[in-house]
Amino acid sequence: MKVSRWRRLAHRIHHTATHGRLALARRARRIRDWALARRRTAWSQILRGICFGSGSGLITLIIFWLTHR
């Protein structure tokens, strides 16, 4: 028997509302665990962006300095 997507969603919402705090705590823990697992990746992307941005800025300043020298 195939259950529709909306029926599963309605069941999940009802279940979450029924169990209240426990479900909320479980969801918060899952979000926290997800963020902790991906923290290293996020920081590496931030560092990469900073390096690319500062490198581009430095090259721009050098070219500007050379053309106006």
C-alpha atoms as a PDB file:
ATOM      1  CA  MET A   1       0.000   0.000   0.000  1.00  0.00           C
ATOM      2  CA  LYS A   2       1.467   3.309  -1.085  1.00  0.00           C
ATOM      3  CA  VAL A   3       1.023   6.263   1.270  1.00  0.00           C
ATOM      4  CA  SER A   4       0.885   9.705  -0.291  1.00  0.00           C
ATOM      5  CA  ARG A   5       3.499  12.298   0.480  1.00  0.00           C
ATOM      6  CA  TRP A   6       0.913  14.618   2.069  1.00  0.00           C
ATOM      7  CA  ARG A   7      -0.393  11.895   4.311  1.00  0.00           C
ATOM      8  CA  ARG A   8       3.123  11.145   5.560  1.00  0.00           C
ATOM      9  CA  LEU A   9       3.698  14.860   6.149  1.00  0.00           C
ATOM     10  CA  ALA A  10       0.408  15.186   8.044  1.00  0.00           C
ATOM     11  CA  HIS A  11       1.325  12.159  10.142  1.00  0.00           C
ATOM     12  CA  ARG A  12       4.735  13.625  10.892  1.00  0.00           C
ATOM     13  CA  ILE A  13       3.288  17.005  11.886  1.00  0.00           C
ATOM     14  CA  HIS A  14       0.750  15.314  14.126  1.00  0.00           C
ATOM     15  CA  HIS A  15       3.413  13.130  15.657  1.00  0.00           C
ATOM     16  CA  THR A  16       5.676  16.128  16.308  1.00  0.00           C
ATOM     17  CA  ALA A  17       2.840  18.095  17.874  1.00  0.00           C
ATOM     18  CA  THR A  18       1.860  15.117  20.010  1.00  0.00           C
ATOM     19  CA  HIS A  19       5.330  14.525  21.405  1.00  0.00           C
ATOM     20  CA  GLY A  20       6.161  18.227  21.710  1.00  0.00           C
ATOM     21  CA  ARG A  21       9.358  18.851  23.635  1.00  0.00           C
ATOM     22  CA  LEU A  22      10.896  15.450  23.002  1.00  0.00           C
ATOM     23  CA  ALA A  23      10.528  15.797  19.246  1.00  0.00           C
ATOM     24  CA  LEU A  24      11.820  19.371  19.359  1.00  0.00           C
ATOM     25  CA  ALA A  25      14.874  18.323  21.378  1.00  0.00           C
ATOM     26  CA  ARG A  26      15.525  15.447  18.989  1.00  0.00           C
ATOM     27  CA  ARG A  27      15.277  17.747  15.971  1.00  0.00           C
ATOM     28  CA  ALA A  28      17.577  20.327  17.614  1.00  0.00           C
ATOM     29  CA  ARG A  29      20.129  17.592  18.372  1.00  0.00           C
ATOM     30  CA  ARG A  30      20.019  16.381  14.752  1.00  0.00           C
ATOM     31  CA  ILE A  31      20.572  19.915  13.456  1.00  0.00           C
ATOM     32  CA  ARG A  32      23.447  20.442  15.901  1.00  0.00           C
ATOM     33  CA  ASP A  33      25.063  17.145  14.925  1.00  0.00           C
ATOM     34  CA  TRP A  34      24.667  18.011  11.234  1.00  0.00           C
ATOM     35  CA  ALA A  35      26.311  21.420  11.750  1.00  0.00           C
ATOM     36  CA  LEU A  36      29.170  19.952  13.808  1.00  0.00           C
ATOM     37  CA  ALA A  37      29.856  17.332  11.155  1.00  0.00           C
ATOM     38  CA  ARG A  38      30.084  19.989   8.446  1.00  0.00           C
ATOM     39  CA  ARG A  39      31.891  22.659  10.472  1.00  0.00           C
ATOM     40  CA  ARG A  40      35.290  21.735   9.078  1.00  0.00           C
ATOM     41  CA  THR A  41      34.024  21.939   5.506  1.00  0.00           C
ATOM     42  CA  ALA A  42      32.398  25.318   6.159  1.00  0.00           C
ATOM     43  CA  TRP A  43      35.574  26.768   7.670  1.00  0.00           C
ATOM     44  CA  SER A  44      37.671  25.491   4.783  1.00  0.00           C
ATOM     45  CA  GLN A  45      35.311  27.170   2.321  1.00  0.00           C
ATOM     46  CA  ILE A  46      35.476  30.440   4.291  1.00  0.00           C
ATOM     47  CA  LEU A  47      39.274  30.282   4.377  1.00  0.00           C
ATOM     48  CA  ARG A  48      39.358  29.545   0.653  1.00  0.00           C
ATOM     49  CA  GLY A  49      37.151  32.567  -0.047  1.00  0.00           C
ATOM     50  CA  ILE A  50      39.344  34.820   2.073  1.00  0.00           C
ATOM     51  CA  CYS A  51      42.475  33.628   0.278  1.00  0.00           C
ATOM     52  CA  PHE A  52      40.961  34.094  -3.174  1.00  0.00           C
ATOM     53  CA  GLY A  53      39.635  37.535  -2.257  1.00  0.00           C
ATOM     54  CA  SER A  54      42.876  38.795  -0.743  1.00  0.00           C
ATOM     55  CA  GLY A  55      44.903  37.390  -3.645  1.00  0.00           C
ATOM     56  CA  SER A  56      42.669  39.123  -6.181  1.00  0.00           C
ATOM     57  CA  GLY A  57      42.878  42.370  -4.232  1.00  0.00           C
ATOM     58  CA  LEU A  58      46.661  42.172  -4.009  1.00  0.00           C
ATOM     59  CA  ILE A  59      47.027  41.549  -7.746  1.00  0.00           C
ATOM     60  CA  THR A  60      44.681  44.471  -8.465  1.00  0.00           C
ATOM     61  CA  LEU A  61      46.723  46.805  -6.239  1.00  0.00           C
ATOM     62  CA  ILE A  62      49.991  45.707  -7.883  1.00  0.00           C
ATOM     63  CA  ILE A  63      48.592  46.286 -11.382  1.00  0.00           C
ATOM     64  CA  PHE A  64      47.175  49.662 -10.327  1.00  0.00           C
ATOM     65  CA  TRP A  65      50.523  50.639  -8.807  1.00  0.00           C
ATOM     66  CA  LEU A  66      52.448  49.547 -11.929  1.00  0.00           C
ATOM     67  CA  THR A  67      50.188  51.453 -14.322  1.00  0.00           C
ATOM     68  CA  HIS A  68      50.351  54.689 -12.288  1.00  0.00           C
ATOM     69  CA  ARG A  69      54.038  54.575 -11.522  1.00  0.00           C
END
